[in-house]
Amino acid sequence: MKKVNKFLSAGILSLALIACTTNPITGRKTLQLANNQEIAAAALQQYHQAISAAKVISGTTASKSVQNVGLRLKNAANNYYRGIGREADIADYQWEFNLLDDKQINAWCMPGGKVAVYTGILPITKTDTGMAVVLGHEISHALAGHGNERISQAMVAQYGGAILGSTISNAQLAQIFQQAYPIGAQVALLKYGRSQELEADEMGLYLMAMAGYDPREAYPFWQRMEAAATGNRTPEFLSTHPNPETRRADLEKHMAKALQYYQTAGGKI
């Protein structure tokens, strides 16, 4: 039995090395075993279910802000990936940006680029730049493949060495996805790990700067978000996020690089 376990462990380690993906913006390496096209297809189905159960707001100043900021961030990401020769990484993304009438303080981006912002977060975003903090963070989860990473972790945990022989069925993969993205009338998206949240903070900071939004405005946004968390319940948007001190230190660590992107985009330092 010990020999078998050693074999499986060695095999999984070898597979991990083959399936290791490097984030071109942060340099973080992650294990991504799942098929991105299959994840995107499953995400699209879940997205349609969520949207059909929600009230989508259009034609308002707030909804236009979500659209305009989202498009600027999308274009910034496309330009960056194109500039480093990795445009194929996000070529299949089908971006949509929606404002949903919901009091939850939340926002999300599904794998493949489907984005939703809840009206409950608008008093905290306040401006287009505040919106860029939120959307930059959520878009970064998708661009960094955090969904694939979490699903891959679940694949290894549940099926172990079975993945070596590619014996996981489509039904098993679908079950894992359902567990990761249990979307219903009340959206409860995948709970990312702390390292993924911190990476989304960093990557989102760079993206908003590339799009011409002052990354220094991330500080007051997170202060407002923290203030909202002092009420009766923690906003869903903060449910798995790092503590405020860790976030502030992390933002400070990455701010100089973000300001370089901002200056290149035409921002004033």
C-alpha atoms as a PDB file:
ATOM      1  CA  MET A   1       0.000   0.000   0.000  1.00  0.00           C
ATOM      2  CA  LYS A   2       2.830   2.390   0.860  1.00  0.00           C
ATOM      3  CA  LYS A   3       4.442   1.724  -2.518  1.00  0.00           C
ATOM      4  CA  VAL A   4       1.135   2.455  -4.276  1.00  0.00           C
ATOM      5  CA  ASN A   5       0.677   5.673  -2.334  1.00  0.00           C
ATOM      6  CA  LYS A   6       4.217   6.717  -3.185  1.00  0.00           C
ATOM      7  CA  PHE A   7       3.543   5.972  -6.849  1.00  0.00           C
ATOM      8  CA  LEU A   8       0.339   7.983  -6.845  1.00  0.00           C
ATOM      9  CA  SER A   9       1.990  10.871  -5.046  1.00  0.00           C
ATOM     10  CA  ALA A  10       4.859  10.890  -7.509  1.00  0.00           C
ATOM     11  CA  GLY A  11       2.448  10.680 -10.416  1.00  0.00           C
ATOM     12  CA  ILE A  12       0.318  13.542  -9.161  1.00  0.00           C
ATOM     13  CA  LEU A  13       3.457  15.608  -8.594  1.00  0.00           C
ATOM     14  CA  SER A  14       4.568  14.935 -12.175  1.00  0.00           C
ATOM     15  CA  LEU A  15       1.135  15.877 -13.472  1.00  0.00           C
ATOM     16  CA  ALA A  16       1.209  19.029 -11.362  1.00  0.00           C
ATOM     17  CA  LEU A  17       4.476  20.053 -12.966  1.00  0.00           C
ATOM     18  CA  ILE A  18       3.000  19.513 -16.438  1.00  0.00           C
ATOM     19  CA  ALA A  19      -0.247  21.354 -15.593  1.00  0.00           C
ATOM     20  CA  CYS A  20       1.444  24.251 -13.819  1.00  0.00           C
ATOM     21  CA  THR A  21       0.286  27.629 -15.145  1.00  0.00           C
ATOM     22  CA  THR A  22       2.069  30.940 -14.577  1.00  0.00           C
ATOM     23  CA  ASN A  23       0.095  34.166 -14.221  1.00  0.00           C
ATOM     24  CA  PRO A  24       1.735  36.591 -16.700  1.00  0.00           C
ATOM     25  CA  ILE A  25       0.917  39.626 -14.553  1.00  0.00           C
ATOM     26  CA  THR A  26       1.816  38.418 -11.042  1.00  0.00           C
ATOM     27  CA  GLY A  27       4.149  35.501 -11.789  1.00  0.00           C
ATOM     28  CA  ARG A  28       2.252  33.178  -9.415  1.00  0.00           C
ATOM     29  CA  LYS A  29       2.274  29.500 -10.435  1.00  0.00           C
ATOM     30  CA  THR A  30      -0.878  27.417 -10.017  1.00  0.00           C
ATOM     31  CA  LEU A  31      -2.120  23.900 -10.699  1.00  0.00           C
ATOM     32  CA  GLN A  32      -4.804  23.945 -13.406  1.00  0.00           C
ATOM     33  CA  LEU A  33      -5.811  20.441 -14.494  1.00  0.00           C
ATOM     34  CA  ALA A  34      -9.336  21.113 -15.762  1.00  0.00           C
ATOM     35  CA  ASN A  35     -10.289  21.987 -19.322  1.00  0.00           C
ATOM     36  CA  ASN A  36     -10.938  25.735 -19.550  1.00  0.00           C
ATOM     37  CA  GLN A  37     -13.457  25.336 -22.373  1.00  0.00           C
ATOM     38  CA  GLU A  38     -15.503  22.881 -20.324  1.00  0.00           C
ATOM     39  CA  ILE A  39     -15.355  25.207 -17.321  1.00  0.00           C
ATOM     40  CA  ALA A  40     -16.461  28.160 -19.447  1.00  0.00           C
ATOM     41  CA  ALA A  41     -19.372  26.166 -20.879  1.00  0.00           C
ATOM     42  CA  ALA A  42     -20.536  25.130 -17.408  1.00  0.00           C
ATOM     43  CA  ALA A  43     -20.079  28.696 -16.166  1.00  0.00           C
ATOM     44  CA  LEU A  44     -22.179  30.053 -19.024  1.00  0.00           C
ATOM     45  CA  GLN A  45     -25.036  27.738 -18.100  1.00  0.00           C
ATOM     46  CA  GLN A  46     -24.852  28.807 -14.456  1.00  0.00           C
ATOM     47  CA  TYR A  47     -24.615  32.441 -15.487  1.00  0.00           C
ATOM     48  CA  HIS A  48     -27.819  32.266 -17.532  1.00  0.00           C
ATOM     49  CA  GLN A  49     -29.610  30.714 -14.550  1.00  0.00           C
ATOM     50  CA  ALA A  50     -28.399  33.514 -12.268  1.00  0.00           C
ATOM     51  CA  ILE A  51     -29.332  36.282 -14.696  1.00  0.00           C
ATOM     52  CA  SER A  52     -32.762  34.818 -15.427  1.00  0.00           C
ATOM     53  CA  ALA A  53     -33.535  34.856 -11.693  1.00  0.00           C
ATOM     54  CA  ALA A  54     -32.342  38.455 -11.232  1.00  0.00           C
ATOM     55  CA  LYS A  55     -33.520  41.906 -12.225  1.00  0.00           C
ATOM     56  CA  VAL A  56     -30.976  43.367 -14.636  1.00  0.00           C
ATOM     57  CA  ILE A  57     -30.798  47.173 -14.573  1.00  0.00           C
ATOM     58  CA  SER A  58     -30.039  49.044 -17.788  1.00  0.00           C
ATOM     59  CA  GLY A  59     -30.092  52.626 -19.027  1.00  0.00           C
ATOM     60  CA  THR A  60     -29.133  54.193 -15.698  1.00  0.00           C
ATOM     61  CA  THR A  61     -26.000  56.106 -14.769  1.00  0.00           C
ATOM     62  CA  ALA A  62     -24.910  53.248 -12.518  1.00  0.00           C
ATOM     63  CA  SER A  63     -25.462  50.566 -15.154  1.00  0.00           C
ATOM     64  CA  LYS A  64     -23.526  52.625 -17.697  1.00  0.00           C
ATOM     65  CA  SER A  65     -20.695  52.938 -15.178  1.00  0.00           C
ATOM     66  CA  VAL A  66     -20.537  49.149 -14.850  1.00  0.00           C
ATOM     67  CA  GLN A  67     -20.479  48.804 -18.644  1.00  0.00           C
ATOM     68  CA  ASN A  68     -17.938  51.543 -19.327  1.00  0.00           C
ATOM     69  CA  VAL A  69     -15.528  50.641 -16.546  1.00  0.00           C
ATOM     70  CA  GLY A  70     -15.782  46.969 -17.445  1.00  0.00           C
ATOM     71  CA  LEU A  71     -14.964  47.628 -21.089  1.00  0.00           C
ATOM     72  CA  ARG A  72     -11.951  49.768 -20.187  1.00  0.00           C
ATOM     73  CA  LEU A  73     -10.600  47.019 -17.961  1.00  0.00           C
ATOM     74  CA  LYS A  74     -11.276  44.393 -20.625  1.00  0.00           C
ATOM     75  CA  ASN A  75      -9.407  46.450 -23.205  1.00  0.00           C
ATOM     76  CA  ALA A  76      -6.504  46.994 -20.823  1.00  0.00           C
ATOM     77  CA  ALA A  77      -6.254  43.242 -20.218  1.00  0.00           C
ATOM     78  CA  ASN A  78      -6.430  42.500 -23.941  1.00  0.00           C
ATOM     79  CA  ASN A  79      -3.694  45.038 -24.671  1.00  0.00           C
ATOM     80  CA  TYR A  80      -1.442  43.637 -21.964  1.00  0.00           C
ATOM     81  CA  TYR A  81      -1.849  40.010 -23.013  1.00  0.00           C
ATOM     82  CA  ARG A  82      -1.378  40.964 -26.663  1.00  0.00           C
ATOM     83  CA  GLY A  83       1.773  42.891 -25.788  1.00  0.00           C
ATOM     84  CA  ILE A  84       3.396  39.843 -24.187  1.00  0.00           C
ATOM     85  CA  GLY A  85       2.266  37.457 -26.899  1.00  0.00           C
ATOM     86  CA  ARG A  86      -0.306  35.614 -24.789  1.00  0.00           C
ATOM     87  CA  GLU A  87      -3.509  36.923 -26.325  1.00  0.00           C
ATOM     88  CA  ALA A  88      -4.569  33.308 -26.938  1.00  0.00           C
ATOM     89  CA  ASP A  89      -4.984  32.918 -23.164  1.00  0.00           C
ATOM     90  CA  ILE A  90      -8.102  35.098 -23.166  1.00  0.00           C
ATOM     91  CA  ALA A  91      -9.186  34.947 -26.819  1.00  0.00           C
ATOM     92  CA  ASP A  92     -12.286  32.880 -25.976  1.00  0.00           C
ATOM     93  CA  TYR A  93     -13.583  35.171 -23.237  1.00  0.00           C
ATOM     94  CA  GLN A  94     -17.097  36.443 -23.955  1.00  0.00           C
ATOM     95  CA  TRP A  95     -17.370  39.515 -21.786  1.00  0.00           C
ATOM     96  CA  GLU A  96     -20.634  40.833 -20.380  1.00  0.00           C
ATOM     97  CA  PHE A  97     -21.071  43.424 -17.636  1.00  0.00           C
ATOM     98  CA  ASN A  98     -24.396  43.647 -15.811  1.00  0.00           C
ATOM     99  CA  LEU A  99     -25.835  45.587 -12.884  1.00  0.00           C
ATOM    100  CA  LEU A 100     -28.298  43.527 -10.840  1.00  0.00           C
ATOM    101  CA  ASP A 101     -30.930  44.910  -8.498  1.00  0.00           C
ATOM    102  CA  ASP A 102     -29.891  43.237  -5.247  1.00  0.00           C
ATOM    103  CA  LYS A 103     -29.080  44.638  -1.796  1.00  0.00           C
ATOM    104  CA  GLN A 104     -26.152  42.279  -1.323  1.00  0.00           C
ATOM    105  CA  ILE A 105     -22.781  44.005  -1.159  1.00  0.00           C
ATOM    106  CA  ASN A 106     -21.232  41.819  -3.814  1.00  0.00           C
ATOM    107  CA  ALA A 107     -19.948  41.391  -7.348  1.00  0.00           C
ATOM    108  CA  TRP A 108     -18.567  38.464  -9.316  1.00  0.00           C
ATOM    109  CA  CYS A 109     -16.974  37.367 -12.579  1.00  0.00           C
ATOM    110  CA  MET A 110     -17.528  33.870 -13.897  1.00  0.00           C
ATOM    111  CA  PRO A 111     -14.855  31.957 -15.813  1.00  0.00           C
ATOM    112  CA  GLY A 112     -15.107  33.147 -19.402  1.00  0.00           C
ATOM    113  CA  GLY A 113     -15.875  36.773 -18.565  1.00  0.00           C
ATOM    114  CA  LYS A 114     -19.497  37.042 -17.388  1.00  0.00           C
ATOM    115  CA  VAL A 115     -19.621  39.815 -14.783  1.00  0.00           C
ATOM    116  CA  ALA A 116     -22.328  40.970 -12.397  1.00  0.00           C
ATOM    117  CA  VAL A 117     -22.357  43.852  -9.928  1.00  0.00           C
ATOM    118  CA  TYR A 118     -25.065  44.182  -7.262  1.00  0.00           C
ATOM    119  CA  THR A 119     -26.648  47.526  -6.503  1.00  0.00           C
ATOM    120  CA  GLY A 120     -25.833  46.949  -2.828  1.00  0.00           C
ATOM    121  CA  ILE A 121     -22.170  47.690  -3.497  1.00  0.00           C
ATOM    122  CA  LEU A 122     -22.784  51.043  -5.236  1.00  0.00           C
ATOM    123  CA  PRO A 123     -22.709  53.150  -2.029  1.00  0.00           C
ATOM    124  CA  ILE A 124     -19.210  51.764  -1.458  1.00  0.00           C
ATOM    125  CA  THR A 125     -17.823  52.120  -4.980  1.00  0.00           C
ATOM    126  CA  LYS A 126     -19.180  55.707  -5.223  1.00  0.00           C
ATOM    127  CA  THR A 127     -17.213  56.576  -8.405  1.00  0.00           C
ATOM    128  CA  ASP A 128     -15.993  54.950 -11.611  1.00  0.00           C
ATOM    129  CA  THR A 129     -12.614  54.513  -9.973  1.00  0.00           C
ATOM    130  CA  GLY A 130     -14.197  52.703  -7.037  1.00  0.00           C
ATOM    131  CA  MET A 131     -16.030  50.537  -9.547  1.00  0.00           C
ATOM    132  CA  ALA A 132     -12.676  49.821 -11.216  1.00  0.00           C
ATOM    133  CA  VAL A 133     -11.351  48.463  -7.904  1.00  0.00           C
ATOM    134  CA  VAL A 134     -14.257  46.012  -7.683  1.00  0.00           C
ATOM    135  CA  LEU A 135     -14.299  44.970 -11.329  1.00  0.00           C
ATOM    136  CA  GLY A 136     -10.513  44.767 -11.534  1.00  0.00           C
ATOM    137  CA  HIS A 137     -10.510  42.399  -8.576  1.00  0.00           C
ATOM    138  CA  GLU A 138     -13.312  40.195  -9.904  1.00  0.00           C
ATOM    139  CA  ILE A 139     -12.008  40.111 -13.487  1.00  0.00           C
ATOM    140  CA  SER A 140      -8.626  39.084 -12.102  1.00  0.00           C
ATOM    141  CA  HIS A 141     -10.140  35.968 -10.528  1.00  0.00           C
ATOM    142  CA  ALA A 142     -11.230  34.885 -14.006  1.00  0.00           C
ATOM    143  CA  LEU A 143      -8.051  35.907 -15.839  1.00  0.00           C
ATOM    144  CA  ALA A 144      -5.864  34.157 -13.257  1.00  0.00           C
ATOM    145  CA  GLY A 145      -7.814  30.918 -13.660  1.00  0.00           C
ATOM    146  CA  HIS A 146      -8.723  30.754  -9.976  1.00  0.00           C
ATOM    147  CA  GLY A 147     -11.823  28.724 -10.816  1.00  0.00           C
ATOM    148  CA  ASN A 148      -9.705  26.133 -12.613  1.00  0.00           C
ATOM    149  CA  GLU A 149      -7.275  26.112  -9.707  1.00  0.00           C
ATOM    150  CA  ARG A 150      -9.990  25.472  -7.117  1.00  0.00           C
ATOM    151  CA  ILE A 151     -11.654  22.835  -9.278  1.00  0.00           C
ATOM    152  CA  SER A 152      -8.262  21.166  -9.829  1.00  0.00           C
ATOM    153  CA  GLN A 153      -7.673  21.085  -6.082  1.00  0.00           C
ATOM    154  CA  ALA A 154     -11.066  19.417  -5.656  1.00  0.00           C
ATOM    155  CA  MET A 155     -10.245  16.904  -8.419  1.00  0.00           C
ATOM    156  CA  VAL A 156      -7.058  15.849  -6.669  1.00  0.00           C
ATOM    157  CA  ALA A 157      -8.746  15.741  -3.240  1.00  0.00           C
ATOM    158  CA  GLN A 158     -11.722  13.664  -4.416  1.00  0.00           C
ATOM    159  CA  TYR A 159     -10.199  11.409  -7.067  1.00  0.00           C
ATOM    160  CA  GLY A 160      -6.486  11.403  -6.342  1.00  0.00           C
ATOM    161  CA  GLY A 161      -4.581   9.126  -8.681  1.00  0.00           C
ATOM    162  CA  ALA A 162      -7.608   8.581 -10.912  1.00  0.00           C
ATOM    163  CA  ILE A 163      -6.766  11.795 -12.714  1.00  0.00           C
ATOM    164  CA  LEU A 164      -3.525  10.209 -13.888  1.00  0.00           C
ATOM    165  CA  GLY A 165      -5.444   7.930 -16.179  1.00  0.00           C
ATOM    166  CA  SER A 166      -7.956  10.588 -17.149  1.00  0.00           C
ATOM    167  CA  THR A 167     -10.718   8.357 -15.786  1.00  0.00           C
ATOM    168  CA  ILE A 168     -12.838  11.181 -14.375  1.00  0.00           C
ATOM    169  CA  SER A 169     -16.133  11.285 -16.206  1.00  0.00           C
ATOM    170  CA  ASN A 170     -17.936  14.363 -17.450  1.00  0.00           C
ATOM    171  CA  ALA A 171     -20.561  13.751 -14.763  1.00  0.00           C
ATOM    172  CA  GLN A 172     -17.883  13.807 -12.070  1.00  0.00           C
ATOM    173  CA  LEU A 173     -16.431  17.019 -13.457  1.00  0.00           C
ATOM    174  CA  ALA A 174     -19.913  18.542 -13.561  1.00  0.00           C
ATOM    175  CA  GLN A 175     -20.453  17.573  -9.924  1.00  0.00           C
ATOM    176  CA  ILE A 176     -17.215  19.268  -8.901  1.00  0.00           C
ATOM    177  CA  PHE A 177     -18.210  22.402 -10.793  1.00  0.00           C
ATOM    178  CA  GLN A 178     -21.613  22.458  -9.114  1.00  0.00           C
ATOM    179  CA  GLN A 179     -19.912  22.248  -5.741  1.00  0.00           C
ATOM    180  CA  ALA A 180     -17.528  25.065  -6.661  1.00  0.00           C
ATOM    181  CA  TYR A 181     -20.164  27.343  -8.189  1.00  0.00           C
ATOM    182  CA  PRO A 182     -23.478  26.622  -6.428  1.00  0.00           C
ATOM    183  CA  ILE A 183     -25.497  29.353  -8.124  1.00  0.00           C
ATOM    184  CA  GLY A 184     -29.174  29.666  -7.396  1.00  0.00           C
ATOM    185  CA  ALA A 185     -31.641  32.472  -6.916  1.00  0.00           C
ATOM    186  CA  GLN A 186     -29.232  33.843  -4.308  1.00  0.00           C
ATOM    187  CA  VAL A 187     -25.808  33.697  -5.881  1.00  0.00           C
ATOM    188  CA  ALA A 188     -23.210  31.971  -3.731  1.00  0.00           C
ATOM    189  CA  LEU A 189     -20.109  31.813  -5.852  1.00  0.00           C
ATOM    190  CA  LEU A 190     -16.955  29.859  -5.340  1.00  0.00           C
ATOM    191  CA  LYS A 191     -15.101  30.749  -2.148  1.00  0.00           C
ATOM    192  CA  TYR A 192     -11.570  31.580  -3.121  1.00  0.00           C
ATOM    193  CA  GLY A 193      -8.572  30.966  -0.887  1.00  0.00           C
ATOM    194  CA  ARG A 194      -6.668  33.795   0.762  1.00  0.00           C
ATOM    195  CA  SER A 195      -3.727  33.508  -1.641  1.00  0.00           C
ATOM    196  CA  GLN A 196      -6.137  33.823  -4.567  1.00  0.00           C
ATOM    197  CA  GLU A 197      -7.830  36.849  -3.005  1.00  0.00           C
ATOM    198  CA  LEU A 198      -4.488  38.557  -2.479  1.00  0.00           C
ATOM    199  CA  GLU A 199      -3.484  37.777  -6.056  1.00  0.00           C
ATOM    200  CA  ALA A 200      -6.779  39.250  -7.299  1.00  0.00           C
ATOM    201  CA  ASP A 201      -6.040  42.374  -5.241  1.00  0.00           C
ATOM    202  CA  GLU A 202      -2.600  42.702  -6.819  1.00  0.00           C
ATOM    203  CA  MET A 203      -3.667  41.896 -10.364  1.00  0.00           C
ATOM    204  CA  GLY A 204      -6.761  44.075 -10.080  1.00  0.00           C
ATOM    205  CA  LEU A 205      -4.621  46.981  -8.903  1.00  0.00           C
ATOM    206  CA  TYR A 206      -2.445  46.676 -12.009  1.00  0.00           C
ATOM    207  CA  LEU A 207      -5.419  46.271 -14.350  1.00  0.00           C
ATOM    208  CA  MET A 208      -7.203  49.380 -13.098  1.00  0.00           C
ATOM    209  CA  ALA A 209      -3.955  51.328 -13.438  1.00  0.00           C
ATOM    210  CA  MET A 210      -3.450  50.031 -16.998  1.00  0.00           C
ATOM    211  CA  ALA A 211      -6.989  51.204 -17.769  1.00  0.00           C
ATOM    212  CA  GLY A 212      -6.189  54.720 -16.528  1.00  0.00           C
ATOM    213  CA  TYR A 213      -7.786  54.582 -13.075  1.00  0.00           C
ATOM    214  CA  ASP A 214      -5.732  55.863 -10.148  1.00  0.00           C
ATOM    215  CA  PRO A 215      -4.730  52.770  -8.129  1.00  0.00           C
ATOM    216  CA  ARG A 216      -4.296  54.885  -4.993  1.00  0.00           C
ATOM    217  CA  GLU A 217      -8.094  55.053  -4.814  1.00  0.00           C
ATOM    218  CA  ALA A 218      -8.044  51.380  -3.822  1.00  0.00           C
ATOM    219  CA  TYR A 219      -7.146  52.462  -0.280  1.00  0.00           C
ATOM    220  CA  PRO A 220     -10.309  54.505   0.420  1.00  0.00           C
ATOM    221  CA  PHE A 221     -12.476  51.906  -1.333  1.00  0.00           C
ATOM    222  CA  TRP A 222     -11.295  49.123   0.986  1.00  0.00           C
ATOM    223  CA  GLN A 223     -11.690  51.453   3.967  1.00  0.00           C
ATOM    224  CA  ARG A 224     -15.327  51.958   3.012  1.00  0.00           C
ATOM    225  CA  MET A 225     -15.741  48.218   2.546  1.00  0.00           C
ATOM    226  CA  GLU A 226     -14.232  47.558   5.960  1.00  0.00           C
ATOM    227  CA  ALA A 227     -16.586  50.123   7.489  1.00  0.00           C
ATOM    228  CA  ALA A 228     -19.531  48.265   5.938  1.00  0.00           C
ATOM    229  CA  ALA A 229     -18.262  45.102   7.615  1.00  0.00           C
ATOM    230  CA  THR A 230     -18.665  46.651  11.076  1.00  0.00           C
ATOM    231  CA  GLY A 231     -22.455  46.306  10.822  1.00  0.00           C
ATOM    232  CA  ASN A 232     -24.554  43.264  11.606  1.00  0.00           C
ATOM    233  CA  ARG A 233     -23.000  41.056   8.964  1.00  0.00           C
ATOM    234  CA  THR A 234     -19.913  40.848   6.789  1.00  0.00           C
ATOM    235  CA  PRO A 235     -20.558  41.689   3.113  1.00  0.00           C
ATOM    236  CA  GLU A 236     -20.414  38.592   0.918  1.00  0.00           C
ATOM    237  CA  PHE A 237     -17.715  40.360  -1.063  1.00  0.00           C
ATOM    238  CA  LEU A 238     -15.443  40.098   2.005  1.00  0.00           C
ATOM    239  CA  SER A 239     -16.398  36.604   3.136  1.00  0.00           C
ATOM    240  CA  THR A 240     -13.068  34.943   2.325  1.00  0.00           C
ATOM    241  CA  HIS A 241     -10.878  38.003   1.969  1.00  0.00           C
ATOM    242  CA  PRO A 242      -7.702  38.611   3.979  1.00  0.00           C
ATOM    243  CA  ASN A 243      -7.833  40.771   7.081  1.00  0.00           C
ATOM    244  CA  PRO A 244      -7.598  44.558   6.581  1.00  0.00           C
ATOM    245  CA  GLU A 245      -4.022  44.816   7.859  1.00  0.00           C
ATOM    246  CA  THR A 246      -2.825  42.149   5.430  1.00  0.00           C
ATOM    247  CA  ARG A 247      -4.643  43.836   2.566  1.00  0.00           C
ATOM    248  CA  ARG A 248      -3.224  47.279   3.341  1.00  0.00           C
ATOM    249  CA  ALA A 249       0.316  45.900   3.543  1.00  0.00           C
ATOM    250  CA  ASP A 250      -0.160  44.028   0.286  1.00  0.00           C
ATOM    251  CA  LEU A 251      -1.540  47.070  -1.546  1.00  0.00           C
ATOM    252  CA  GLU A 252       1.375  49.143  -0.275  1.00  0.00           C
ATOM    253  CA  LYS A 253       3.825  46.523  -1.504  1.00  0.00           C
ATOM    254  CA  HIS A 254       2.411  46.619  -5.047  1.00  0.00           C
ATOM    255  CA  MET A 255       1.525  50.311  -5.313  1.00  0.00           C
ATOM    256  CA  ALA A 256       4.797  51.509  -6.870  1.00  0.00           C
ATOM    257  CA  LYS A 257       4.443  49.063  -9.766  1.00  0.00           C
ATOM    258  CA  ALA A 258       0.769  49.961 -10.161  1.00  0.00           C
ATOM    259  CA  LEU A 259       1.631  53.651 -10.358  1.00  0.00           C
ATOM    260  CA  GLN A 260       4.094  52.899 -13.144  1.00  0.00           C
ATOM    261  CA  TYR A 261       1.274  51.289 -15.131  1.00  0.00           C
ATOM    262  CA  TYR A 262      -0.947  54.265 -14.311  1.00  0.00           C
ATOM    263  CA  GLN A 263       1.644  56.764 -15.505  1.00  0.00           C
ATOM    264  CA  THR A 264       2.151  54.801 -18.724  1.00  0.00           C
ATOM    265  CA  ALA A 265      -1.605  54.931 -19.260  1.00  0.00           C
ATOM    266  CA  GLY A 266      -1.497  58.718 -19.018  1.00  0.00           C
ATOM    267  CA  GLY A 267      -2.343  59.183 -15.367  1.00  0.00           C
ATOM    268  CA  LYS A 268      -0.839  61.970 -13.309  1.00  0.00           C
ATOM    269  CA  ILE A 269       1.369  60.993 -10.374  1.00  0.00           C
END
